[in-house]
Amino acid sequence: MSLIGEERKDYILNVLNLEGKVRTLALVDQLKVSSETIRRYMEELEEQNKLKRVYGGAVKINLTREEPTPLKREVIRAEEKKRIGRAAASLVEDNDIIFIEDGSTTLQMVHYLLNRKNITVITLSAPIMYLLIDYQNKGFFSGDIYFLGGKVNARHSRVSGALTERMVEHFYADKAFISIDGIMIEKGISSFDAERGQLAKQLMSHAKQSIILSDHSKFGAMQFYKIADVKDVDIIVSDVEAPKEWHAYLKDKDVSWINAD
């Protein structure tokens, strides 16, 4: 494979990562090559397990439809999540009331909230609650902690369901920090789990600002439950710059992007 051939395959993978699918005819026009050449590239990429060919093009491989366990989530892209958590925490101001939704990325925020004064944290995540309690008992965190009740999901150490949603109705926050499982400009932000996704949607509706935490692996992924459209988000915090193909949409919808470098 020539250098230009590898560059074309990289282009195909980039489009696939952002949009979740590619169409052969569109690639023929964009890359100025024959449909046979595009099909050959796709065959090679499929052999490398980087895409799945379908009629008329290819789709992004979704290696799992199940939400990873908390332990797996903590070790996957750990450094990126630390940077995202630190950048997200920098958005919290003294006296803020904040929702922190469940997730290994939102968990990283807690380590960087210790110098904030008089903040109130409302969460549905047991690990986040226990970490805040530990810091408070050691004198490092002086804010208030509210844990939302409801049905316990033992596998993921969080609560959700109708009772939890009913509790959320009693609170309003300055900012909601939401960890997601997929983001596509046209399809919105999504979650593996419907109950968790519905609760995230509700947290967003009860906050002045909605802030999404997402590493680059979530780009172009569409999971089971749609939380909201991208236009409903105020700020996206990621470990990379916004894809240039998204710039016009983000600017038009007034969605800010923070690169946690």
Protein backbone atom coordinates (compact mmCIF):
# COMPACT_ATOMS: atom_id res chain seq x y z
CA MET A 1 0.00 0.00 0.00
CA SER A 2 1.38 3.39 -1.02
CA LEU A 3 1.61 6.35 1.31
CA ILE A 4 -1.30 8.04 -0.45
CA GLY A 5 -3.32 4.85 -0.04
CA GLU A 6 -2.69 4.86 3.72
CA GLU A 7 -3.68 8.52 3.87
CA ARG A 8 -6.94 7.72 2.10
CA LYS A 9 -7.67 4.92 4.56
CA ASP A 10 -6.96 7.30 7.44
CA TYR A 11 -9.44 9.72 5.88
CA ILE A 12 -12.08 6.98 5.72
CA LEU A 13 -11.51 6.09 9.38
CA ASN A 14 -11.69 9.75 10.42
CA VAL A 15 -15.06 10.23 8.70
CA LEU A 16 -16.25 6.95 10.20
CA ASN A 17 -15.18 8.00 13.69
CA LEU A 18 -17.08 11.28 13.46
CA GLU A 19 -20.22 10.16 11.66
CA GLY A 20 -20.47 6.49 12.54
CA LYS A 21 -20.78 5.47 8.88
CA VAL A 22 -19.36 6.15 5.43
CA ARG A 23 -20.91 5.81 1.99
CA THR A 24 -18.96 4.48 -0.98
CA LEU A 25 -20.33 7.02 -3.47
CA ALA A 26 -19.51 9.94 -1.18
CA LEU A 27 -15.94 8.68 -0.72
CA VAL A 28 -15.54 8.26 -4.48
CA ASP A 29 -16.40 11.95 -4.87
CA GLN A 30 -14.30 13.13 -1.91
CA LEU A 31 -11.16 11.10 -2.67
CA LYS A 32 -11.44 11.23 -6.48
CA VAL A 33 -10.90 7.50 -6.91
CA SER A 34 -12.99 4.65 -8.32
CA SER A 35 -15.59 2.73 -6.34
CA GLU A 36 -13.44 -0.39 -6.80
CA THR A 37 -10.56 1.36 -5.02
CA ILE A 38 -12.82 2.41 -2.16
CA ARG A 39 -14.12 -1.13 -1.79
CA ARG A 40 -10.55 -2.43 -1.68
CA TYR A 41 -9.67 0.03 1.08
CA MET A 42 -12.75 -1.03 3.02
CA GLU A 43 -11.93 -4.72 2.61
CA GLU A 44 -8.45 -4.10 4.03
CA LEU A 45 -9.84 -2.06 6.93
CA GLU A 46 -12.42 -4.73 7.67
CA GLU A 47 -9.68 -7.37 7.76
CA GLN A 48 -7.97 -5.18 10.38
CA ASN A 49 -11.24 -5.09 12.36
CA LYS A 50 -11.50 -1.30 11.96
CA LEU A 51 -14.92 -1.18 10.29
CA LYS A 52 -17.80 -3.36 9.15
CA ARG A 53 -18.81 -3.27 5.50
CA VAL A 54 -22.51 -2.92 4.71
CA TYR A 55 -24.46 -2.37 1.51
CA GLY A 56 -23.37 0.98 0.05
CA GLY A 57 -20.54 1.65 2.49
CA ALA A 58 -19.38 0.78 5.99
CA VAL A 59 -20.23 1.40 9.63
CA LYS A 60 -18.18 1.89 12.76
CA ILE A 61 -17.60 -1.26 14.76
CA ASN A 62 -19.28 -1.14 18.14
CA LEU A 63 -17.27 -3.66 20.14
CA THR A 64 -19.86 -3.80 22.89
CA ARG A 65 -23.44 -2.79 23.51
CA GLU A 66 -22.98 -3.25 27.24
CA GLU A 67 -21.76 -0.61 29.64
CA PRO A 68 -18.29 -1.49 30.98
CA THR A 69 -18.00 -2.27 34.69
CA PRO A 70 -16.73 0.54 36.95
CA LEU A 71 -13.33 -1.17 37.22
CA LYS A 72 -12.95 -1.34 33.45
CA ARG A 73 -14.13 2.25 33.06
CA GLU A 74 -11.52 3.46 35.54
CA VAL A 75 -8.59 1.96 33.64
CA ILE A 76 -9.73 2.77 30.10
CA ARG A 77 -8.15 6.08 28.98
CA ALA A 78 -7.37 6.94 32.60
CA GLU A 79 -4.98 9.81 31.79
CA GLU A 80 -7.45 11.42 29.39
CA LYS A 81 -10.20 11.19 31.99
CA LYS A 82 -8.01 12.86 34.61
CA ARG A 83 -7.39 15.79 32.28
CA ILE A 84 -11.08 16.06 31.44
CA GLY A 85 -12.02 15.88 35.12
CA ARG A 86 -9.56 18.62 36.03
CA ALA A 87 -10.82 20.89 33.23
CA ALA A 88 -14.45 20.26 34.19
CA ALA A 89 -13.75 21.03 37.85
CA SER A 90 -12.22 24.36 36.84
CA LEU A 91 -15.73 25.41 35.74
CA VAL A 92 -17.04 25.07 39.31
CA GLU A 93 -17.08 28.31 41.27
CA ASP A 94 -17.39 29.03 44.97
CA ASN A 95 -21.01 28.74 46.19
CA ASP A 96 -22.08 26.63 43.19
CA ILE A 97 -24.72 23.93 43.44
CA ILE A 98 -23.78 21.14 41.04
CA PHE A 99 -25.11 17.80 39.84
CA ILE A 100 -22.40 15.22 39.20
CA GLU A 101 -23.72 12.27 37.23
CA ASP A 102 -22.27 8.77 37.43
CA GLY A 103 -19.12 7.92 35.50
CA SER A 104 -15.40 7.29 35.75
CA THR A 105 -14.73 10.67 34.11
CA THR A 106 -17.03 12.64 36.41
CA LEU A 107 -15.43 10.79 39.35
CA GLN A 108 -12.12 12.42 38.43
CA MET A 109 -13.69 15.85 39.00
CA VAL A 110 -13.91 15.27 42.74
CA HIS A 111 -10.13 15.36 43.24
CA TYR A 112 -10.04 18.93 41.90
CA LEU A 113 -12.95 20.37 43.91
CA LEU A 114 -11.16 20.47 47.24
CA ASN A 115 -10.28 24.17 47.16
CA ARG A 116 -13.82 25.31 46.30
CA LYS A 117 -15.70 27.08 49.07
CA ASN A 118 -19.32 26.46 50.04
CA ILE A 119 -20.25 24.24 47.11
CA THR A 120 -23.11 21.73 47.16
CA VAL A 121 -22.73 18.44 45.29
CA ILE A 122 -25.78 16.36 44.36
CA THR A 123 -24.97 12.92 42.96
CA LEU A 124 -26.44 9.51 42.16
CA SER A 125 -23.03 7.79 42.14
CA ALA A 126 -21.97 5.84 45.24
CA PRO A 127 -18.23 6.07 44.38
CA ILE A 128 -18.51 9.86 44.03
CA MET A 129 -20.41 10.09 47.32
CA TYR A 130 -17.87 7.93 49.19
CA LEU A 131 -14.92 9.87 47.77
CA LEU A 132 -16.48 13.17 48.87
CA ILE A 133 -17.20 11.71 52.32
CA ASP A 134 -13.60 10.54 52.62
CA TYR A 135 -12.25 13.96 51.68
CA GLN A 136 -14.70 15.64 54.06
CA ASN A 137 -13.69 13.39 56.97
CA LYS A 138 -10.05 14.26 56.30
CA GLY A 139 -10.85 17.97 56.28
CA PHE A 140 -10.18 18.48 52.57
CA PHE A 141 -13.78 19.13 51.48
CA SER A 142 -16.13 21.41 53.39
CA GLY A 143 -19.17 21.56 51.10
CA ASP A 144 -22.56 19.84 51.36
CA ILE A 145 -23.19 16.40 49.88
CA TYR A 146 -26.61 15.14 48.75
CA PHE A 147 -27.04 11.55 47.58
CA LEU A 148 -30.13 10.84 45.50
CA GLY A 149 -32.06 7.77 46.62
CA GLY A 150 -33.75 5.12 44.49
CA LYS A 151 -33.21 1.68 43.03
CA VAL A 152 -29.61 0.55 43.48
CA ASN A 153 -27.72 -0.75 40.47
CA ALA A 154 -25.16 -2.92 42.28
CA ARG A 155 -23.12 -3.64 39.14
CA HIS A 156 -22.46 0.06 38.54
CA SER A 157 -22.77 1.40 42.11
CA ARG A 158 -25.42 4.01 41.34
CA VAL A 159 -29.11 4.66 41.80
CA SER A 160 -31.74 5.32 39.14
CA GLY A 161 -35.40 4.81 38.36
CA ALA A 162 -38.66 6.57 39.20
CA LEU A 163 -37.82 7.27 42.85
CA THR A 164 -34.53 8.89 41.90
CA GLU A 165 -36.24 11.01 39.25
CA ARG A 166 -38.81 12.08 41.82
CA MET A 167 -36.03 13.26 44.13
CA VAL A 168 -34.38 15.26 41.34
CA GLU A 169 -37.63 17.24 41.00
CA HIS A 170 -36.85 18.86 44.37
CA PHE A 171 -33.48 20.29 43.30
CA TYR A 172 -32.16 22.97 40.96
CA ALA A 173 -28.46 23.40 40.26
CA ASP A 174 -26.13 25.88 38.65
CA LYS A 175 -24.35 23.21 36.60
CA ALA A 176 -24.93 19.57 35.63
CA PHE A 177 -21.86 17.50 34.79
CA ILE A 178 -22.83 14.54 32.62
CA SER A 179 -20.69 11.60 31.47
CA ILE A 180 -21.85 10.08 28.18
CA ASP A 181 -21.32 6.93 26.12
CA GLY A 182 -21.73 8.35 22.62
CA ILE A 183 -21.90 11.62 20.70
CA MET A 184 -22.86 12.35 17.11
CA ILE A 185 -23.66 15.81 15.78
CA GLU A 186 -26.80 14.63 13.97
CA LYS A 187 -27.94 12.00 16.48
CA GLY A 188 -27.07 13.71 19.77
CA ILE A 189 -25.58 12.38 23.00
CA SER A 190 -26.46 8.90 24.21
CA SER A 191 -26.12 6.33 26.99
CA PHE A 192 -25.87 2.54 27.18
CA ASP A 193 -28.61 2.46 29.84
CA ALA A 194 -32.11 3.91 29.46
CA GLU A 195 -32.69 4.59 33.18
CA ARG A 196 -29.35 6.33 33.53
CA GLY A 197 -29.93 8.25 30.30
CA GLN A 198 -33.37 9.44 31.41
CA LEU A 199 -31.93 10.60 34.71
CA ALA A 200 -29.12 12.47 32.93
CA LYS A 201 -31.75 14.19 30.77
CA GLN A 202 -33.61 15.26 33.89
CA LEU A 203 -30.46 16.56 35.59
CA MET A 204 -29.77 18.70 32.52
CA SER A 205 -33.29 20.13 32.60
CA HIS A 206 -32.84 21.14 36.27
CA ALA A 207 -29.54 22.96 35.78
CA LYS A 208 -28.69 26.39 34.42
CA GLN A 209 -25.76 24.90 32.48
CA SER A 210 -25.31 21.42 31.02
CA ILE A 211 -21.69 20.31 30.74
CA ILE A 212 -20.80 17.09 28.91
CA LEU A 213 -17.61 15.14 29.64
CA SER A 214 -16.48 12.95 26.73
CA ASP A 215 -13.17 11.51 25.59
CA HIS A 216 -12.55 11.16 21.86
CA SER A 217 -13.49 7.46 21.75
CA LYS A 218 -17.16 8.45 22.15
CA PHE A 219 -17.15 10.49 18.92
CA GLY A 220 -19.29 8.91 16.20
CA ALA A 221 -20.82 6.41 18.63
CA MET A 222 -24.59 6.07 19.00
CA GLN A 223 -25.73 4.05 21.98
CA PHE A 224 -29.09 2.68 23.10
CA TYR A 225 -30.73 5.69 24.75
CA LYS A 226 -30.69 9.27 23.46
CA ILE A 227 -30.13 11.75 26.28
CA ALA A 228 -30.39 14.99 24.30
CA ASP A 229 -29.43 16.79 21.13
CA VAL A 230 -25.99 18.39 21.02
CA LYS A 231 -27.67 21.79 20.73
CA ASP A 232 -29.13 21.26 24.22
CA VAL A 233 -25.61 21.21 25.69
CA ASP A 234 -23.81 24.36 26.88
CA ILE A 235 -20.24 23.07 27.16
CA ILE A 236 -18.40 19.95 25.99
CA VAL A 237 -15.15 19.04 27.77
CA SER A 238 -12.95 16.57 25.91
CA ASP A 239 -9.34 15.41 25.68
CA VAL A 240 -8.96 16.71 22.12
CA GLU A 241 -9.97 19.70 20.03
CA ALA A 242 -13.41 19.64 18.45
CA PRO A 243 -13.36 17.89 15.05
CA LYS A 244 -13.23 20.55 12.35
CA GLU A 245 -16.30 19.01 10.74
CA TRP A 246 -18.26 19.96 13.86
CA HIS A 247 -17.09 23.58 14.14
CA ALA A 248 -19.90 25.18 12.13
CA TYR A 249 -22.62 23.33 14.02
CA LEU A 250 -21.13 24.09 17.44
CA LYS A 251 -20.77 27.77 16.58
CA ASP A 252 -24.30 27.98 15.17
CA LYS A 253 -25.80 26.32 18.26
CA ASP A 254 -23.57 28.28 20.68
CA VAL A 255 -22.02 25.15 22.19
CA SER A 256 -18.62 25.82 23.77
CA TRP A 257 -15.80 23.29 23.53
CA ILE A 258 -12.97 22.88 26.04
CA ASN A 259 -9.88 20.89 25.13
CA ALA A 260 -8.44 19.46 28.35
CA ASP A 261 -4.81 19.50 27.22
